[in-house]
Amino acid sequence: MAYPTKMRERAIQALKNGHSREEINELYGLGINTLRDWEKLETETGTLEKRPLNRGAYKIDREKLLEHYRKNPLSTNKETALIFNCSVSGIRSAKKVLKITRKKRQFNT
């Protein structure tokens, strides 16, 4: 859960004024580990602003993925993720959008 910067500042100021983490927990409903994280954030960065996420969006080329599975139908998600330089969950999601399902066992009738 993301808390506003003003709330973070009030909680840290209360810590600096001598209140215990348990008191702040009861007063604001914040977890003790959250307070520790905010203290660490302030000492490392000098501010209580949220850190930017260090991940970039990556879109898997659907045509290339389809071509890959045409050539390698038994390729696992992990192998494909290594080839496309992305996560396994990203491959799984792209396969779902493209309606690529796992190979089913064929029964003789």
C-alpha atoms as a PDB file:
ATOM      1  CA  MET A   1       0.000   0.000   0.000  1.00  0.00           C
ATOM      2  CA  ALA A   2       1.378   3.408  -0.935  1.00  0.00           C
ATOM      3  CA  TYR A   3       1.172   6.119   1.694  1.00  0.00           C
ATOM      4  CA  PRO A   4       1.242   9.859   0.919  1.00  0.00           C
ATOM      5  CA  THR A   5       4.530  11.640   1.526  1.00  0.00           C
ATOM      6  CA  LYS A   6       2.900  13.935   4.128  1.00  0.00           C
ATOM      7  CA  MET A   7       1.858  10.930   6.215  1.00  0.00           C
ATOM      8  CA  ARG A   8       5.355   9.490   5.978  1.00  0.00           C
ATOM      9  CA  GLU A   9       6.813  12.793   7.133  1.00  0.00           C
ATOM     10  CA  ARG A  10       4.422  13.004  10.119  1.00  0.00           C
ATOM     11  CA  ALA A  11       5.241   9.451  11.207  1.00  0.00           C
ATOM     12  CA  ILE A  12       9.012   9.983  10.939  1.00  0.00           C
ATOM     13  CA  GLN A  13       8.719  13.334  12.746  1.00  0.00           C
ATOM     14  CA  ALA A  14       6.841  11.580  15.561  1.00  0.00           C
ATOM     15  CA  LEU A  15       9.721   9.078  15.788  1.00  0.00           C
ATOM     16  CA  LYS A  16      12.214  11.937  15.994  1.00  0.00           C
ATOM     17  CA  ASN A  17      10.117  13.564  18.739  1.00  0.00           C
ATOM     18  CA  GLY A  18      10.598  10.485  20.905  1.00  0.00           C
ATOM     19  CA  HIS A  19       7.506   8.402  20.246  1.00  0.00           C
ATOM     20  CA  SER A  20       8.081   4.662  20.008  1.00  0.00           C
ATOM     21  CA  ARG A  21       7.324   2.638  16.892  1.00  0.00           C
ATOM     22  CA  GLU A  22       4.550   0.873  18.799  1.00  0.00           C
ATOM     23  CA  GLU A  23       2.877   4.197  19.639  1.00  0.00           C
ATOM     24  CA  ILE A  24       3.044   5.303  16.017  1.00  0.00           C
ATOM     25  CA  ASN A  25       1.697   1.930  14.988  1.00  0.00           C
ATOM     26  CA  GLU A  26      -1.364   2.445  17.193  1.00  0.00           C
ATOM     27  CA  LEU A  27      -1.782   6.094  16.214  1.00  0.00           C
ATOM     28  CA  TYR A  28      -1.422   5.796  12.438  1.00  0.00           C
ATOM     29  CA  GLY A  29      -1.994   2.094  11.885  1.00  0.00           C
ATOM     30  CA  LEU A  30       1.415   1.662  10.272  1.00  0.00           C
ATOM     31  CA  GLY A  31       3.506  -1.447  10.501  1.00  0.00           C
ATOM     32  CA  ILE A  32       6.763  -1.319  12.413  1.00  0.00           C
ATOM     33  CA  ASN A  33       8.693  -2.627   9.400  1.00  0.00           C
ATOM     34  CA  THR A  34       7.142   0.116   7.269  1.00  0.00           C
ATOM     35  CA  LEU A  35       8.496   2.704   9.683  1.00  0.00           C
ATOM     36  CA  ARG A  36      11.939   1.099   9.548  1.00  0.00           C
ATOM     37  CA  ASP A  37      11.806   1.155   5.749  1.00  0.00           C
ATOM     38  CA  TRP A  38      10.910   4.840   5.782  1.00  0.00           C
ATOM     39  CA  GLU A  39      13.749   5.624   8.199  1.00  0.00           C
ATOM     40  CA  LYS A  40      16.156   3.802   5.915  1.00  0.00           C
ATOM     41  CA  LEU A  41      14.752   5.601   2.867  1.00  0.00           C
ATOM     42  CA  GLU A  42      15.229   8.978   4.520  1.00  0.00           C
ATOM     43  CA  THR A  43      18.811   8.254   5.569  1.00  0.00           C
ATOM     44  CA  GLU A  44      19.743   6.894   2.129  1.00  0.00           C
ATOM     45  CA  THR A  45      18.026   9.490  -0.057  1.00  0.00           C
ATOM     46  CA  GLY A  46      17.353  12.409   2.280  1.00  0.00           C
ATOM     47  CA  THR A  47      13.672  12.387   1.363  1.00  0.00           C
ATOM     48  CA  LEU A  48      10.581  10.289   1.928  1.00  0.00           C
ATOM     49  CA  GLU A  49       9.448  10.409  -1.699  1.00  0.00           C
ATOM     50  CA  LYS A  50       8.710   7.025  -3.226  1.00  0.00           C
ATOM     51  CA  ARG A  51      11.570   5.494  -5.146  1.00  0.00           C
ATOM     52  CA  PRO A  52      11.002   5.073  -8.869  1.00  0.00           C
ATOM     53  CA  LEU A  53      10.573   1.522 -10.100  1.00  0.00           C
ATOM     54  CA  ASN A  54      13.674   0.208 -11.797  1.00  0.00           C
ATOM     55  CA  ARG A  55      11.963  -1.840 -14.403  1.00  0.00           C
ATOM     56  CA  GLY A  56      11.101  -1.031 -17.947  1.00  0.00           C
ATOM     57  CA  ALA A  57       8.153  -2.165 -19.905  1.00  0.00           C
ATOM     58  CA  TYR A  58       8.977  -4.771 -22.494  1.00  0.00           C
ATOM     59  CA  LYS A  59       6.577  -5.851 -25.144  1.00  0.00           C
ATOM     60  CA  ILE A  60       7.086  -9.227 -26.769  1.00  0.00           C
ATOM     61  CA  ASP A  61       6.781  -9.159 -30.536  1.00  0.00           C
ATOM     62  CA  ARG A  62       3.784 -11.383 -31.198  1.00  0.00           C
ATOM     63  CA  GLU A  63       4.764 -12.272 -34.749  1.00  0.00           C
ATOM     64  CA  LYS A  64       8.220 -13.393 -33.634  1.00  0.00           C
ATOM     65  CA  LEU A  65       6.700 -15.409 -30.793  1.00  0.00           C
ATOM     66  CA  LEU A  66       4.285 -17.149 -33.161  1.00  0.00           C
ATOM     67  CA  GLU A  67       7.131 -17.891 -35.565  1.00  0.00           C
ATOM     68  CA  HIS A  68       9.239 -19.243 -32.698  1.00  0.00           C
ATOM     69  CA  TYR A  69       6.487 -21.677 -31.650  1.00  0.00           C
ATOM     70  CA  ARG A  70       5.904 -22.766 -35.239  1.00  0.00           C
ATOM     71  CA  LYS A  71       9.565 -23.734 -35.495  1.00  0.00           C
ATOM     72  CA  ASN A  72       9.913 -24.990 -31.901  1.00  0.00           C
ATOM     73  CA  PRO A  73       6.543 -26.313 -30.721  1.00  0.00           C
ATOM     74  CA  LEU A  74       8.055 -28.148 -27.740  1.00  0.00           C
ATOM     75  CA  SER A  75       9.983 -25.136 -26.427  1.00  0.00           C
ATOM     76  CA  THR A  76       9.359 -24.489 -22.740  1.00  0.00           C
ATOM     77  CA  ASN A  77       8.352 -21.099 -21.371  1.00  0.00           C
ATOM     78  CA  LYS A  78      11.724 -20.789 -19.648  1.00  0.00           C
ATOM     79  CA  GLU A  79      13.646 -21.486 -22.854  1.00  0.00           C
ATOM     80  CA  THR A  80      11.491 -19.027 -24.757  1.00  0.00           C
ATOM     81  CA  ALA A  81      11.955 -16.354 -22.076  1.00  0.00           C
ATOM     82  CA  LEU A  82      15.724 -16.690 -22.405  1.00  0.00           C
ATOM     83  CA  ILE A  83      15.493 -16.298 -26.175  1.00  0.00           C
ATOM     84  CA  PHE A  84      13.214 -13.242 -25.946  1.00  0.00           C
ATOM     85  CA  ASN A  85      15.116 -11.785 -22.962  1.00  0.00           C
ATOM     86  CA  CYS A  86      12.038 -11.444 -20.770  1.00  0.00           C
ATOM     87  CA  SER A  87      10.325 -13.144 -17.845  1.00  0.00           C
ATOM     88  CA  VAL A  88       8.598 -16.507 -17.889  1.00  0.00           C
ATOM     89  CA  SER A  89       5.362 -14.846 -16.749  1.00  0.00           C
ATOM     90  CA  GLY A  90       5.658 -12.446 -19.695  1.00  0.00           C
ATOM     91  CA  ILE A  91       5.864 -15.394 -22.095  1.00  0.00           C
ATOM     92  CA  ARG A  92       2.926 -17.051 -20.352  1.00  0.00           C
ATOM     93  CA  SER A  93       0.818 -13.894 -20.721  1.00  0.00           C
ATOM     94  CA  ALA A  94       1.761 -13.421 -24.373  1.00  0.00           C
ATOM     95  CA  LYS A  95       0.899 -17.053 -25.121  1.00  0.00           C
ATOM     96  CA  LYS A  96      -2.474 -16.585 -23.462  1.00  0.00           C
ATOM     97  CA  VAL A  97      -3.225 -13.523 -25.617  1.00  0.00           C
ATOM     98  CA  LEU A  98      -2.181 -15.432 -28.739  1.00  0.00           C
ATOM     99  CA  LYS A  99      -4.169 -18.491 -27.611  1.00  0.00           C
ATOM    100  CA  ILE A 100      -1.125 -20.744 -27.762  1.00  0.00           C
ATOM    101  CA  THR A 101      -1.885 -23.701 -25.531  1.00  0.00           C
ATOM    102  CA  ARG A 102       0.234 -26.552 -24.337  1.00  0.00           C
ATOM    103  CA  LYS A 103       0.412 -29.649 -26.466  1.00  0.00           C
ATOM    104  CA  LYS A 104      -2.355 -32.065 -25.564  1.00  0.00           C
ATOM    105  CA  ARG A 105      -2.061 -35.803 -25.711  1.00  0.00           C
ATOM    106  CA  GLN A 106      -3.668 -37.290 -28.808  1.00  0.00           C
ATOM    107  CA  PHE A 107      -5.861 -40.323 -28.250  1.00  0.00           C
ATOM    108  CA  ASN A 108      -6.394 -42.979 -30.894  1.00  0.00           C
ATOM    109  CA  THR A 109     -10.044 -43.741 -31.462  1.00  0.00           C
END
